[in-house]
Amino acid sequence: MTDAPPIRDAATMIVLRNRDTTPSVLMGQRGAKAAFMPGKFVFPGGAIDANDGLVPATPIAPQCNSRLMDRSSLSPTTIAAAAIRELWEETGQILGHPQVWKDPPQGWRGFAATGHVPHAGAVSFFFRAVTPTGAPRRFDARFLLADAECLVTDPDDFSGAEDELSHLQWVPLSHARDYDLPFITQVVLAELVAHIARGGPPQTVPFFANDDERLLVHRLGGKSPL
């Protein structure tokens, strides 16, 4: 019997553009030979690295901080930093606050060279899901939401992106289902459409735990900020 793959902590960034007019999200296509979700259109994201906990960042909002700590031992700032790093690596887009910092750890030197620190204050905790059993790789992914207006780079310039994602583009929410999407991405997009229609911050954050047959979806509310 093959051992089940370990569940790795991960962070994903949803960047929303033109929220009030023609909303779209930044997505790219994974390679056809990728071990995880080959050929699928996804948001930028990936595994959280140990060095993500060693970087300076602007403070995350208190309510998001509390919700990210719900059923988690990871630092909320570490999660936010990881999502911002993955966005930078996979799209070339910078969600940062101007600040010079010395001796950045490995994996962050290119970002630090731009003269910015991660702008964790610009993100909100939106969704969480664990990859179902049976997948070749499993992740406990936190989906963070940010507005494209918070990017310090040209949102249409992907020249600084690495080659992990191809066909980087702003996908209109009205046409997103025309793309080859993972199931959980479809769920997240449906939640996003409902969120835009409601307006205001979400009351709770959905958590697809995939670890309890009696209750698949939890709601993360955290503690009320003081």
C-alpha atoms as a PDB file:
ATOM      1  CA  MET A   1       0.000   0.000   0.000  1.00  0.00           C
ATOM      2  CA  THR A   2       1.323   3.437  -0.956  1.00  0.00           C
ATOM      3  CA  ASP A   3       1.568   5.926   1.879  1.00  0.00           C
ATOM      4  CA  ALA A   4      -0.795   8.873   1.584  1.00  0.00           C
ATOM      5  CA  PRO A   5       0.978  12.114   0.665  1.00  0.00           C
ATOM      6  CA  PRO A   6       1.453  14.606   3.503  1.00  0.00           C
ATOM      7  CA  ILE A   7      -0.759  17.688   3.610  1.00  0.00           C
ATOM      8  CA  ARG A   8       1.367  20.790   3.000  1.00  0.00           C
ATOM      9  CA  ASP A   9       0.350  24.285   3.998  1.00  0.00           C
ATOM     10  CA  ALA A  10      -0.207  26.528   0.992  1.00  0.00           C
ATOM     11  CA  ALA A  11      -1.331  30.048   0.136  1.00  0.00           C
ATOM     12  CA  THR A  12      -3.180  31.305  -2.930  1.00  0.00           C
ATOM     13  CA  MET A  13      -3.790  34.861  -4.107  1.00  0.00           C
ATOM     14  CA  ILE A  14      -7.018  35.963  -5.767  1.00  0.00           C
ATOM     15  CA  VAL A  15      -6.534  39.391  -7.351  1.00  0.00           C
ATOM     16  CA  LEU A  16      -9.813  41.063  -8.262  1.00  0.00           C
ATOM     17  CA  ARG A  17      -9.973  43.798 -10.903  1.00  0.00           C
ATOM     18  CA  ASN A  18     -12.835  46.168 -11.760  1.00  0.00           C
ATOM     19  CA  ARG A  19     -14.923  44.915  -8.855  1.00  0.00           C
ATOM     20  CA  ASP A  20     -17.811  47.351  -9.470  1.00  0.00           C
ATOM     21  CA  THR A  21     -18.006  47.222 -13.281  1.00  0.00           C
ATOM     22  CA  THR A  22     -16.683  44.166 -15.127  1.00  0.00           C
ATOM     23  CA  PRO A  23     -14.985  42.071 -12.417  1.00  0.00           C
ATOM     24  CA  SER A  24     -12.153  39.789 -13.454  1.00  0.00           C
ATOM     25  CA  VAL A  25      -9.503  37.713 -11.684  1.00  0.00           C
ATOM     26  CA  LEU A  26      -5.866  36.996 -12.466  1.00  0.00           C
ATOM     27  CA  MET A  27      -5.303  33.381 -13.538  1.00  0.00           C
ATOM     28  CA  GLY A  28      -2.852  31.252 -15.479  1.00  0.00           C
ATOM     29  CA  GLN A  29      -2.615  27.728 -16.850  1.00  0.00           C
ATOM     30  CA  ARG A  30      -0.536  24.994 -15.260  1.00  0.00           C
ATOM     31  CA  GLY A  31       1.663  22.909 -17.514  1.00  0.00           C
ATOM     32  CA  ALA A  32       0.265  19.779 -19.156  1.00  0.00           C
ATOM     33  CA  LYS A  33       2.943  17.663 -17.415  1.00  0.00           C
ATOM     34  CA  ALA A  34       2.557  19.212 -13.970  1.00  0.00           C
ATOM     35  CA  ALA A  35       2.141  16.652 -11.173  1.00  0.00           C
ATOM     36  CA  PHE A  36      -0.659  18.664  -9.575  1.00  0.00           C
ATOM     37  CA  MET A  37      -3.681  19.856 -11.567  1.00  0.00           C
ATOM     38  CA  PRO A  38      -2.046  19.593 -15.018  1.00  0.00           C
ATOM     39  CA  GLY A  39      -3.487  21.878 -17.671  1.00  0.00           C
ATOM     40  CA  LYS A  40      -5.885  23.597 -15.268  1.00  0.00           C
ATOM     41  CA  PHE A  41      -6.413  27.343 -15.002  1.00  0.00           C
ATOM     42  CA  VAL A  42      -5.675  28.430 -11.438  1.00  0.00           C
ATOM     43  CA  PHE A  43      -4.926  31.421  -9.248  1.00  0.00           C
ATOM     44  CA  PRO A  44      -1.268  32.097  -8.387  1.00  0.00           C
ATOM     45  CA  GLY A  45      -0.269  30.100  -5.337  1.00  0.00           C
ATOM     46  CA  GLY A  46       1.857  27.364  -3.864  1.00  0.00           C
ATOM     47  CA  ALA A  47       3.379  25.827  -0.765  1.00  0.00           C
ATOM     48  CA  ILE A  48       4.333  28.003   2.188  1.00  0.00           C
ATOM     49  CA  ASP A  49       8.101  28.093   2.763  1.00  0.00           C
ATOM     50  CA  ALA A  50       9.855  28.407   6.123  1.00  0.00           C
ATOM     51  CA  ASN A  51      11.467  31.663   4.975  1.00  0.00           C
ATOM     52  CA  ASP A  52       8.046  33.240   4.491  1.00  0.00           C
ATOM     53  CA  GLY A  53       7.977  33.656   8.249  1.00  0.00           C
ATOM     54  CA  LEU A  54      11.214  35.659   8.258  1.00  0.00           C
ATOM     55  CA  VAL A  55      10.183  38.673   6.192  1.00  0.00           C
ATOM     56  CA  PRO A  56       8.879  42.084   7.274  1.00  0.00           C
ATOM     57  CA  ALA A  57       5.339  42.903   6.206  1.00  0.00           C
ATOM     58  CA  THR A  58       2.635  45.460   6.857  1.00  0.00           C
ATOM     59  CA  PRO A  59       0.140  44.372   9.554  1.00  0.00           C
ATOM     60  CA  ILE A  60      -2.738  42.188   8.442  1.00  0.00           C
ATOM     61  CA  ALA A  61      -6.291  43.302   9.350  1.00  0.00           C
ATOM     62  CA  PRO A  62      -7.306  42.135  12.874  1.00  0.00           C
ATOM     63  CA  GLN A  63     -10.375  40.189  11.720  1.00  0.00           C
ATOM     64  CA  CYS A  64      -8.411  38.364   9.007  1.00  0.00           C
ATOM     65  CA  ASN A  65      -5.649  37.700  11.521  1.00  0.00           C
ATOM     66  CA  SER A  66      -8.139  36.060  13.882  1.00  0.00           C
ATOM     67  CA  ARG A  67      -9.776  33.972  11.158  1.00  0.00           C
ATOM     68  CA  LEU A  68      -6.451  32.769   9.781  1.00  0.00           C
ATOM     69  CA  MET A  69      -5.544  31.562  13.276  1.00  0.00           C
ATOM     70  CA  ASP A  70      -8.784  29.582  13.567  1.00  0.00           C
ATOM     71  CA  ARG A  71      -7.869  25.841  13.380  1.00  0.00           C
ATOM     72  CA  SER A  72      -4.315  26.721  12.375  1.00  0.00           C
ATOM     73  CA  SER A  73      -0.922  26.995  14.047  1.00  0.00           C
ATOM     74  CA  LEU A  74       0.630  29.124  11.287  1.00  0.00           C
ATOM     75  CA  SER A  75       1.315  32.822  11.671  1.00  0.00           C
ATOM     76  CA  PRO A  76      -1.245  34.812   9.621  1.00  0.00           C
ATOM     77  CA  THR A  77       1.522  37.121   8.405  1.00  0.00           C
ATOM     78  CA  THR A  78       3.479  34.109   7.165  1.00  0.00           C
ATOM     79  CA  ILE A  79       0.453  32.939   5.175  1.00  0.00           C
ATOM     80  CA  ALA A  80      -0.075  36.394   3.669  1.00  0.00           C
ATOM     81  CA  ALA A  81       3.613  36.731   2.819  1.00  0.00           C
ATOM     82  CA  ALA A  82       3.600  33.347   1.079  1.00  0.00           C
ATOM     83  CA  ALA A  83       0.618  34.307  -1.083  1.00  0.00           C
ATOM     84  CA  ILE A  84       2.307  37.598  -2.011  1.00  0.00           C
ATOM     85  CA  ARG A  85       5.544  35.782  -2.870  1.00  0.00           C
ATOM     86  CA  GLU A  86       3.721  33.278  -5.076  1.00  0.00           C
ATOM     87  CA  LEU A  87       1.928  36.131  -6.840  1.00  0.00           C
ATOM     88  CA  TRP A  88       5.283  37.803  -7.476  1.00  0.00           C
ATOM     89  CA  GLU A  89       6.991  34.638  -8.700  1.00  0.00           C
ATOM     90  CA  GLU A  90       4.205  33.368 -10.944  1.00  0.00           C
ATOM     91  CA  THR A  91       2.927  36.654 -12.416  1.00  0.00           C
ATOM     92  CA  GLY A  92       5.585  39.314 -11.796  1.00  0.00           C
ATOM     93  CA  GLN A  93       3.005  41.426  -9.960  1.00  0.00           C
ATOM     94  CA  ILE A  94       4.010  43.163  -6.733  1.00  0.00           C
ATOM     95  CA  LEU A  95       1.617  43.576  -3.834  1.00  0.00           C
ATOM     96  CA  GLY A  96       3.982  45.590  -1.708  1.00  0.00           C
ATOM     97  CA  HIS A  97       4.590  48.605   0.488  1.00  0.00           C
ATOM     98  CA  PRO A  98       7.655  50.787  -0.222  1.00  0.00           C
ATOM     99  CA  GLN A  99      10.384  49.930   2.254  1.00  0.00           C
ATOM    100  CA  VAL A 100      14.033  48.943   2.026  1.00  0.00           C
ATOM    101  CA  TRP A 101      15.020  45.841   4.001  1.00  0.00           C
ATOM    102  CA  LYS A 102      18.419  44.280   4.465  1.00  0.00           C
ATOM    103  CA  ASP A 103      19.497  40.660   4.233  1.00  0.00           C
ATOM    104  CA  PRO A 104      16.328  39.151   2.758  1.00  0.00           C
ATOM    105  CA  PRO A 105      16.157  35.353   3.049  1.00  0.00           C
ATOM    106  CA  GLN A 106      16.442  33.009   0.100  1.00  0.00           C
ATOM    107  CA  GLY A 107      13.353  33.163  -2.081  1.00  0.00           C
ATOM    108  CA  TRP A 108      12.746  36.816  -1.249  1.00  0.00           C
ATOM    109  CA  ARG A 109      15.815  38.540  -2.653  1.00  0.00           C
ATOM    110  CA  GLY A 110      14.217  39.457  -5.970  1.00  0.00           C
ATOM    111  CA  PHE A 111      11.151  40.878  -4.239  1.00  0.00           C
ATOM    112  CA  ALA A 112      13.269  42.848  -1.767  1.00  0.00           C
ATOM    113  CA  ALA A 113      15.317  44.283  -4.641  1.00  0.00           C
ATOM    114  CA  THR A 114      12.180  46.068  -5.878  1.00  0.00           C
ATOM    115  CA  GLY A 115      12.218  48.197  -2.714  1.00  0.00           C
ATOM    116  CA  HIS A 116       9.028  46.768  -1.215  1.00  0.00           C
ATOM    117  CA  VAL A 117       7.926  44.602   1.698  1.00  0.00           C
ATOM    118  CA  PRO A 118       4.817  42.391   1.469  1.00  0.00           C
ATOM    119  CA  HIS A 119       1.656  44.441   1.931  1.00  0.00           C
ATOM    120  CA  ALA A 120      -0.271  42.008   4.134  1.00  0.00           C
ATOM    121  CA  GLY A 121      -2.645  44.810   5.059  1.00  0.00           C
ATOM    122  CA  ALA A 122      -4.023  44.779   1.513  1.00  0.00           C
ATOM    123  CA  VAL A 123      -5.305  41.190   1.655  1.00  0.00           C
ATOM    124  CA  SER A 124      -8.344  39.580   3.222  1.00  0.00           C
ATOM    125  CA  PHE A 125      -8.874  35.930   4.110  1.00  0.00           C
ATOM    126  CA  PHE A 126     -11.510  34.583   1.754  1.00  0.00           C
ATOM    127  CA  PHE A 127     -11.520  30.767   1.533  1.00  0.00           C
ATOM    128  CA  ARG A 128      -9.716  27.657   2.762  1.00  0.00           C
ATOM    129  CA  ALA A 129      -9.672  24.136   1.363  1.00  0.00           C
ATOM    130  CA  VAL A 130      -7.774  20.896   1.846  1.00  0.00           C
ATOM    131  CA  THR A 131      -7.101  18.794  -1.237  1.00  0.00           C
ATOM    132  CA  PRO A 132      -9.258  15.620  -1.128  1.00  0.00           C
ATOM    133  CA  THR A 133      -7.717  12.229  -0.442  1.00  0.00           C
ATOM    134  CA  GLY A 134      -6.515  10.334  -3.505  1.00  0.00           C
ATOM    135  CA  ALA A 135      -4.707  13.284  -5.072  1.00  0.00           C
ATOM    136  CA  PRO A 136      -0.962  12.840  -5.785  1.00  0.00           C
ATOM    137  CA  ARG A 137      -0.288  15.938  -3.691  1.00  0.00           C
ATOM    138  CA  ARG A 138      -2.374  17.423  -0.902  1.00  0.00           C
ATOM    139  CA  PHE A 139      -2.447  21.005   0.323  1.00  0.00           C
ATOM    140  CA  ASP A 140      -4.180  22.961   3.051  1.00  0.00           C
ATOM    141  CA  ALA A 141      -4.646  26.098   0.976  1.00  0.00           C
ATOM    142  CA  ARG A 142      -5.656  29.505   2.265  1.00  0.00           C
ATOM    143  CA  PHE A 143      -7.127  31.746  -0.435  1.00  0.00           C
ATOM    144  CA  LEU A 144      -6.473  35.446   0.107  1.00  0.00           C
ATOM    145  CA  LEU A 145      -8.255  38.230  -1.771  1.00  0.00           C
ATOM    146  CA  ALA A 146      -6.703  41.519  -2.894  1.00  0.00           C
ATOM    147  CA  ASP A 147      -7.824  44.355  -5.127  1.00  0.00           C
ATOM    148  CA  ALA A 148      -5.835  44.982  -8.295  1.00  0.00           C
ATOM    149  CA  GLU A 149      -5.684  48.663  -7.372  1.00  0.00           C
ATOM    150  CA  CYS A 150      -3.277  47.698  -4.581  1.00  0.00           C
ATOM    151  CA  LEU A 151      -0.701  46.346  -7.047  1.00  0.00           C
ATOM    152  CA  VAL A 152       2.312  48.620  -7.490  1.00  0.00           C
ATOM    153  CA  THR A 153       3.041  47.141 -10.920  1.00  0.00           C
ATOM    154  CA  ASP A 154       1.270  47.439 -14.272  1.00  0.00           C
ATOM    155  CA  PRO A 155      -1.498  44.814 -13.977  1.00  0.00           C
ATOM    156  CA  ASP A 156      -1.129  43.930 -17.671  1.00  0.00           C
ATOM    157  CA  ASP A 157       2.650  43.420 -17.575  1.00  0.00           C
ATOM    158  CA  PHE A 158       3.638  39.808 -16.903  1.00  0.00           C
ATOM    159  CA  SER A 159       7.191  40.108 -18.214  1.00  0.00           C
ATOM    160  CA  GLY A 160       8.641  39.430 -14.755  1.00  0.00           C
ATOM    161  CA  ALA A 161       6.787  36.149 -14.297  1.00  0.00           C
ATOM    162  CA  GLU A 162       8.499  32.801 -13.949  1.00  0.00           C
ATOM    163  CA  ASP A 163       7.394  29.981 -16.256  1.00  0.00           C
ATOM    164  CA  GLU A 164       5.242  27.956 -13.845  1.00  0.00           C
ATOM    165  CA  LEU A 165       2.008  29.410 -15.258  1.00  0.00           C
ATOM    166  CA  SER A 166       1.312  30.150 -18.919  1.00  0.00           C
ATOM    167  CA  HIS A 167      -1.449  32.173 -20.580  1.00  0.00           C
ATOM    168  CA  LEU A 168      -1.536  34.667 -17.710  1.00  0.00           C
ATOM    169  CA  GLN A 169      -4.609  36.823 -18.106  1.00  0.00           C
ATOM    170  CA  TRP A 170      -7.477  38.617 -16.425  1.00  0.00           C
ATOM    171  CA  VAL A 171     -10.414  36.249 -16.644  1.00  0.00           C
ATOM    172  CA  PRO A 172     -13.852  37.928 -16.545  1.00  0.00           C
ATOM    173  CA  LEU A 173     -16.003  36.331 -13.860  1.00  0.00           C
ATOM    174  CA  SER A 174     -18.847  36.180 -16.361  1.00  0.00           C
ATOM    175  CA  HIS A 175     -16.787  33.838 -18.593  1.00  0.00           C
ATOM    176  CA  ALA A 176     -14.669  31.987 -16.034  1.00  0.00           C
ATOM    177  CA  ARG A 177     -16.558  28.709 -16.439  1.00  0.00           C
ATOM    178  CA  ASP A 178     -15.477  28.592 -20.084  1.00  0.00           C
ATOM    179  CA  TYR A 179     -11.993  27.682 -18.816  1.00  0.00           C
ATOM    180  CA  ASP A 180     -10.697  24.305 -17.619  1.00  0.00           C
ATOM    181  CA  LEU A 181     -10.917  24.871 -13.868  1.00  0.00           C
ATOM    182  CA  PRO A 182     -10.351  22.592 -10.869  1.00  0.00           C
ATOM    183  CA  PHE A 183     -13.529  21.888  -8.933  1.00  0.00           C
ATOM    184  CA  ILE A 184     -12.429  23.869  -5.888  1.00  0.00           C
ATOM    185  CA  THR A 185     -11.609  26.874  -8.086  1.00  0.00           C
ATOM    186  CA  GLN A 186     -15.152  26.765  -9.426  1.00  0.00           C
ATOM    187  CA  VAL A 187     -16.435  26.801  -5.841  1.00  0.00           C
ATOM    188  CA  VAL A 188     -14.204  29.735  -4.935  1.00  0.00           C
ATOM    189  CA  LEU A 189     -15.349  31.701  -7.985  1.00  0.00           C
ATOM    190  CA  ALA A 190     -19.003  31.087  -7.123  1.00  0.00           C
ATOM    191  CA  GLU A 191     -18.301  32.340  -3.612  1.00  0.00           C
ATOM    192  CA  LEU A 192     -16.570  35.395  -5.078  1.00  0.00           C
ATOM    193  CA  VAL A 193     -19.533  36.236  -7.315  1.00  0.00           C
ATOM    194  CA  ALA A 194     -21.847  36.015  -4.303  1.00  0.00           C
ATOM    195  CA  HIS A 195     -19.432  38.117  -2.226  1.00  0.00           C
ATOM    196  CA  ILE A 196     -19.408  40.911  -4.816  1.00  0.00           C
ATOM    197  CA  ALA A 197     -23.201  40.856  -5.019  1.00  0.00           C
ATOM    198  CA  ARG A 198     -23.556  41.095  -1.223  1.00  0.00           C
ATOM    199  CA  GLY A 199     -20.963  43.801  -0.748  1.00  0.00           C
ATOM    200  CA  GLY A 200     -19.069  44.324   2.477  1.00  0.00           C
ATOM    201  CA  PRO A 201     -16.765  41.869   4.253  1.00  0.00           C
ATOM    202  CA  PRO A 202     -17.842  38.197   4.511  1.00  0.00           C
ATOM    203  CA  GLN A 203     -19.405  37.166   7.815  1.00  0.00           C
ATOM    204  CA  THR A 204     -17.383  33.940   7.891  1.00  0.00           C
ATOM    205  CA  VAL A 205     -14.830  32.126   5.739  1.00  0.00           C
ATOM    206  CA  PRO A 206     -15.707  28.725   4.172  1.00  0.00           C
ATOM    207  CA  PHE A 207     -13.327  25.873   5.015  1.00  0.00           C
ATOM    208  CA  PHE A 208     -13.581  22.712   2.889  1.00  0.00           C
ATOM    209  CA  ALA A 209     -11.724  20.471   5.318  1.00  0.00           C
ATOM    210  CA  ASN A 210     -12.113  17.130   3.513  1.00  0.00           C
ATOM    211  CA  ASP A 211     -11.389  15.394   6.805  1.00  0.00           C
ATOM    212  CA  ASP A 212     -14.809  14.752   8.287  1.00  0.00           C
ATOM    213  CA  GLU A 213     -17.521  12.860   6.436  1.00  0.00           C
ATOM    214  CA  ARG A 214     -20.180  14.294   8.725  1.00  0.00           C
ATOM    215  CA  LEU A 215     -19.285  17.937   8.116  1.00  0.00           C
ATOM    216  CA  LEU A 216     -17.379  18.747   4.961  1.00  0.00           C
ATOM    217  CA  VAL A 217     -17.684  22.541   5.155  1.00  0.00           C
ATOM    218  CA  HIS A 218     -16.738  24.471   8.267  1.00  0.00           C
ATOM    219  CA  ARG A 219     -17.174  28.216   8.750  1.00  0.00           C
ATOM    220  CA  LEU A 220     -14.217  30.138  10.142  1.00  0.00           C
ATOM    221  CA  GLY A 221     -15.343  33.157  12.115  1.00  0.00           C
ATOM    222  CA  GLY A 222     -12.384  33.734  14.384  1.00  0.00           C
ATOM    223  CA  LYS A 223     -12.809  36.014  17.352  1.00  0.00           C
ATOM    224  CA  SER A 224     -14.339  39.462  17.142  1.00  0.00           C
ATOM    225  CA  PRO A 225     -11.554  42.077  16.967  1.00  0.00           C
ATOM    226  CA  LEU A 226     -11.256  44.270  20.035  1.00  0.00           C
END
